[in-house]
N, C-alpha and C. Protein backbone atom coordinates (compact mmCIF):
# COMPACT_ATOMS: atom_id res chain seq x y z
N UNK A 1 0.85 -0.93 -0.05
CA UNK A 1 -0.24 0.41 0.05
C UNK A 1 0.81 1.09 -0.12
N UNK A 2 0.35 2.24 -1.22
CA UNK A 2 1.07 3.77 -0.82
C UNK A 2 0.05 4.67 -0.66
N UNK A 3 0.26 5.68 -0.30
CA UNK A 3 -0.35 7.23 0.07
C UNK A 3 0.59 7.92 -0.79
N UNK A 4 -0.26 8.69 -1.86
CA UNK A 4 0.40 9.78 -2.58
C UNK A 4 -0.27 11.03 -2.38
N UNK A 5 0.10 12.03 -2.55
CA UNK A 5 -0.35 13.39 -2.58
C UNK A 5 -0.72 14.45 -3.67
N UNK A 6 -0.73 13.56 -4.64
CA UNK A 6 -0.86 14.23 -6.15
C UNK A 6 -2.16 13.81 -6.75
N UNK A 7 -2.71 14.63 -7.77
CA UNK A 7 -3.75 13.94 -8.48
C UNK A 7 -3.23 13.64 -9.68
N UNK A 8 -3.96 12.36 -9.91
CA UNK A 8 -3.62 12.20 -11.32
C UNK A 8 -4.78 12.09 -12.58
N UNK A 9 -4.94 12.38 -13.63
CA UNK A 9 -6.17 11.86 -14.59
C UNK A 9 -6.97 10.84 -14.00
N UNK A 10 -8.12 10.84 -14.07
CA UNK A 10 -9.01 10.06 -13.38
C UNK A 10 -9.13 9.58 -11.93
N UNK A 11 -8.08 9.92 -11.29
CA UNK A 11 -8.41 10.15 -9.87
C UNK A 11 -9.92 10.11 -9.27
N UNK A 12 -10.12 11.39 -9.66
CA UNK A 12 -11.37 12.11 -8.69
C UNK A 12 -12.20 11.23 -9.54
N UNK A 13 -12.50 10.86 -10.82
CA UNK A 13 -13.60 9.89 -11.38
C UNK A 13 -13.59 8.76 -10.55
N UNK A 14 -12.87 8.21 -10.16
CA UNK A 14 -12.53 6.70 -9.96
C UNK A 14 -13.25 7.12 -8.22
N UNK A 15 -12.97 7.82 -7.49
CA UNK A 15 -13.22 8.43 -6.24
C UNK A 15 -14.80 8.61 -6.48
N UNK A 16 -15.47 9.03 -7.22
CA UNK A 16 -16.68 9.82 -7.40
C UNK A 16 -17.75 8.30 -7.50
N UNK A 17 -16.96 7.22 -8.53
CA UNK A 17 -17.48 6.12 -8.92
C UNK A 17 -17.65 5.28 -7.42
N UNK A 18 -16.50 5.14 -6.37
CA UNK A 18 -16.26 4.74 -5.20
C UNK A 18 -17.46 4.93 -4.46
N UNK A 19 -17.68 6.25 -4.10
CA UNK A 19 -18.84 6.66 -3.45
C UNK A 19 -19.87 6.26 -3.91
N UNK A 20 -20.50 6.52 -5.13
CA UNK A 20 -21.54 6.32 -5.70
C UNK A 20 -21.94 4.68 -5.08
N UNK A 21 -21.04 3.72 -5.59
CA UNK A 21 -21.27 2.28 -5.63
C UNK A 21 -20.97 2.11 -3.90
N UNK A 22 -20.73 2.52 -3.07
CA UNK A 22 -20.27 2.17 -1.52
C UNK A 22 -21.84 2.65 -1.24
N UNK A 23 -22.42 4.04 -1.58
CA UNK A 23 -23.26 4.74 -0.66
C UNK A 23 -24.96 4.05 -1.19
N UNK A 24 -24.56 3.55 -2.94
CA UNK A 24 -25.88 2.81 -3.25
C UNK A 24 -26.18 1.54 -2.41
N UNK A 25 -24.97 0.69 -2.32
CA UNK A 25 -25.26 -0.45 -1.35
C UNK A 25 -25.40 0.02 0.33
N UNK A 26 -24.67 0.61 0.36
CA UNK A 26 -24.81 0.67 1.96
C UNK A 26 -26.10 1.39 2.56
N UNK A 27 -26.47 2.54 2.05
CA UNK A 27 -27.61 3.52 2.21
C UNK A 27 -28.81 3.47 1.21
N UNK A 28 -28.80 2.58 0.17
CA UNK A 28 -29.88 2.36 -0.76
C UNK A 28 -29.95 3.89 -1.41
N UNK A 29 -28.87 4.34 -1.71
CA UNK A 29 -28.85 5.72 -2.54
C UNK A 29 -28.95 5.70 -3.79
N UNK A 30 -29.66 6.57 -4.43
CA UNK A 30 -29.58 6.19 -5.99
C UNK A 30 -28.64 6.98 -6.58
N UNK A 31 -28.76 7.58 -7.99
CA UNK A 31 -27.74 8.03 -8.60
C UNK A 31 -27.67 9.88 -8.57
N UNK A 32 -28.80 10.29 -7.81
CA UNK A 32 -28.35 11.43 -7.64
C UNK A 32 -27.51 12.00 -6.54
N UNK A 33 -27.21 10.79 -5.92
CA UNK A 33 -26.03 11.12 -4.76
C UNK A 33 -24.89 11.18 -5.76
N UNK A 34 -24.31 10.72 -6.50
CA UNK A 34 -23.63 10.36 -7.18
C UNK A 34 -23.08 11.49 -8.12
N UNK A 35 -24.06 12.13 -8.53
CA UNK A 35 -23.99 13.27 -9.10
C UNK A 35 -23.97 14.31 -8.03
N UNK A 36 -24.13 14.50 -6.72
CA UNK A 36 -24.14 15.44 -5.80
C UNK A 36 -22.38 15.39 -5.81
N UNK A 37 -22.12 14.33 -5.36
CA UNK A 37 -20.52 14.07 -5.60
C UNK A 37 -19.65 14.55 -6.38
N UNK A 38 -20.25 14.35 -7.50
CA UNK A 38 -19.24 14.70 -8.68
C UNK A 38 -19.27 16.07 -9.28
N UNK A 39 -20.17 17.19 -8.51
CA UNK A 39 -20.30 18.26 -8.57
C UNK A 39 -19.43 18.87 -7.54
N UNK A 40 -19.21 18.19 -6.34
CA UNK A 40 -18.40 18.84 -5.72
C UNK A 40 -17.17 18.39 -5.89
N UNK A 41 -17.05 17.30 -6.70
CA UNK A 41 -15.37 16.94 -6.88
C UNK A 41 -15.01 17.81 -8.12
N UNK A 42 -16.10 18.09 -8.66
CA UNK A 42 -15.56 18.83 -9.90
C UNK A 42 -15.58 20.30 -9.45
N UNK A 43 -15.79 21.02 -8.50
CA UNK A 43 -15.40 21.96 -7.88
C UNK A 43 -14.04 22.23 -7.38
N UNK A 44 -13.99 21.16 -6.43
CA UNK A 44 -12.54 20.74 -6.22
C UNK A 44 -11.85 20.58 -7.01
N UNK A 45 -11.74 20.07 -8.14
CA UNK A 45 -10.61 19.81 -9.00
C UNK A 45 -10.52 21.27 -9.80
N UNK A 46 -11.62 22.46 -9.99
CA UNK A 46 -11.20 23.14 -10.77
C UNK A 46 -10.49 24.41 -9.78
N UNK A 47 -10.40 24.11 -8.31
CA UNK A 47 -10.05 25.25 -7.57
C UNK A 47 -9.02 24.43 -6.42
N UNK A 48 -8.46 23.40 -6.96
CA UNK A 48 -7.34 22.86 -5.96
C UNK A 48 -6.13 23.77 -6.34
N UNK A 49 -5.91 23.86 -5.11
CA UNK A 49 -4.19 24.58 -4.51
C UNK A 49 -3.68 23.67 -3.90
N UNK A 50 -2.51 23.13 -4.33
CA UNK A 50 -1.54 22.35 -3.35
C UNK A 50 -1.34 22.90 -2.07
N UNK A 51 -1.22 24.52 -2.01
CA UNK A 51 -0.67 25.30 -1.08
C UNK A 51 -1.81 25.38 0.29
N UNK A 52 -3.02 25.03 -0.27
CA UNK A 52 -4.08 25.21 1.16
C UNK A 52 -5.11 24.01 0.86
N UNK A 53 -4.95 23.26 0.29
CA UNK A 53 -5.80 22.01 0.04
C UNK A 53 -4.98 20.68 -0.01
N UNK A 54 -5.24 19.40 0.35
CA UNK A 54 -4.74 18.57 0.42
C UNK A 54 -5.55 17.21 0.60
N UNK A 55 -5.00 16.20 -0.36
CA UNK A 55 -5.57 15.19 -0.99
C UNK A 55 -4.31 14.17 -0.71
N UNK A 56 -5.14 12.67 -0.02
CA UNK A 56 -4.14 11.58 -0.13
C UNK A 56 -4.80 10.39 -0.63
N UNK A 57 -4.16 9.93 -1.83
CA UNK A 57 -4.92 9.07 -2.81
C UNK A 57 -4.33 7.73 -2.31
N UNK A 58 -4.93 6.93 -1.79
CA UNK A 58 -4.50 5.33 -1.20
C UNK A 58 -4.90 4.64 -2.30
N UNK A 59 -3.39 4.04 -2.46
CA UNK A 59 -3.59 3.01 -3.82
C UNK A 59 -2.86 1.42 -2.68
N UNK A 60 -3.51 0.21 -3.47
CA UNK A 60 -2.74 -0.86 -2.71
C UNK A 60 -3.10 -1.65 -4.40
N UNK A 61 -1.60 -1.96 -4.75
CA UNK A 61 -1.43 -2.52 -6.01
C UNK A 61 -2.13 -1.83 -7.15
N UNK A 62 -1.59 -0.53 -7.03
CA UNK A 62 -1.89 0.21 -8.21
C UNK A 62 -3.20 0.46 -8.28
N UNK A 63 -4.43 0.08 -7.50
CA UNK A 63 -5.71 0.50 -7.59
C UNK A 63 -6.13 1.63 -6.26
N UNK A 64 -6.91 2.67 -6.51
CA UNK A 64 -7.48 3.39 -5.49
C UNK A 64 -8.06 2.60 -4.55
N UNK A 65 -7.96 2.77 -3.20
CA UNK A 65 -8.70 2.42 -2.32
C UNK A 65 -9.51 3.55 -1.45
N UNK A 66 -10.14 3.62 -0.34
CA UNK A 66 -10.73 4.77 0.17
C UNK A 66 -9.72 5.75 0.51
N UNK A 67 -10.25 7.08 0.21
CA UNK A 67 -9.35 8.00 -0.06
C UNK A 67 -9.82 9.37 0.83
N UNK A 68 -8.85 10.37 1.37
CA UNK A 68 -9.20 11.23 1.72
C UNK A 68 -8.69 12.92 1.71
N UNK A 69 -9.48 13.96 1.86
CA UNK A 69 -8.69 15.20 1.51
C UNK A 69 -9.53 16.40 2.08
N UNK A 70 -8.60 17.35 2.38
CA UNK A 70 -8.81 18.53 3.08
C UNK A 70 -9.11 19.84 1.96
N UNK A 71 -10.20 20.13 2.02
CA UNK A 71 -10.02 21.23 0.74
C UNK A 71 -10.29 22.83 1.51
N UNK A 72 -9.35 23.69 1.27
CA UNK A 72 -9.32 25.00 1.94
C UNK A 72 -8.90 25.12 3.32
N UNK A 73 -8.00 24.41 3.73
CA UNK A 73 -7.32 24.64 5.10
C UNK A 73 -7.09 25.74 5.69
N UNK A 74 -7.74 26.44 6.00
CA UNK A 74 -7.55 28.06 6.48
C UNK A 74 -6.85 28.95 5.20
N UNK A 75 -6.18 29.80 6.24
CA UNK A 75 -5.15 30.68 5.30
C UNK A 75 -3.54 30.11 5.42
N UNK A 76 -3.53 29.10 6.57
CA UNK A 76 -2.08 28.40 6.52
C UNK A 76 -1.56 27.45 5.43
N UNK A 77 -0.75 27.00 4.67
CA UNK A 77 -0.46 26.07 4.17
C UNK A 77 -0.40 25.12 4.94
N UNK A 78 -0.88 23.92 3.97
CA UNK A 78 -0.95 22.67 5.05
C UNK A 78 0.58 22.00 4.56
N UNK A 79 0.87 21.53 5.67
CA UNK A 79 2.32 20.61 6.03
C UNK A 79 1.94 19.37 5.82
N UNK A 80 2.57 18.34 4.76
CA UNK A 80 2.34 17.08 4.77
C UNK A 80 3.66 16.03 5.61
N UNK A 81 3.22 15.67 6.34
CA UNK A 81 4.38 14.51 7.02
C UNK A 81 4.88 13.87 6.43
N UNK A 82 6.21 13.11 5.98
CA UNK A 82 6.86 12.14 5.60
C UNK A 82 6.13 11.04 6.32
């Protein structure tokens, strides 16, 4: 397993898919929830600034697994610990 702090093409789309399928299975939500997640991720992608935003993409055998991020962490730059 490895964790990376950069966004590659396709990462956010895959995370959207993970949210859509997980929440459909766990909470019986329909496609509208996935649309909501896609809209928020689109905003995140367009405004992403590595100085104030943070993303941690977890991969296991080069496959993305549940992942987290912070959008707009105040005015202080985010420090990533090794």
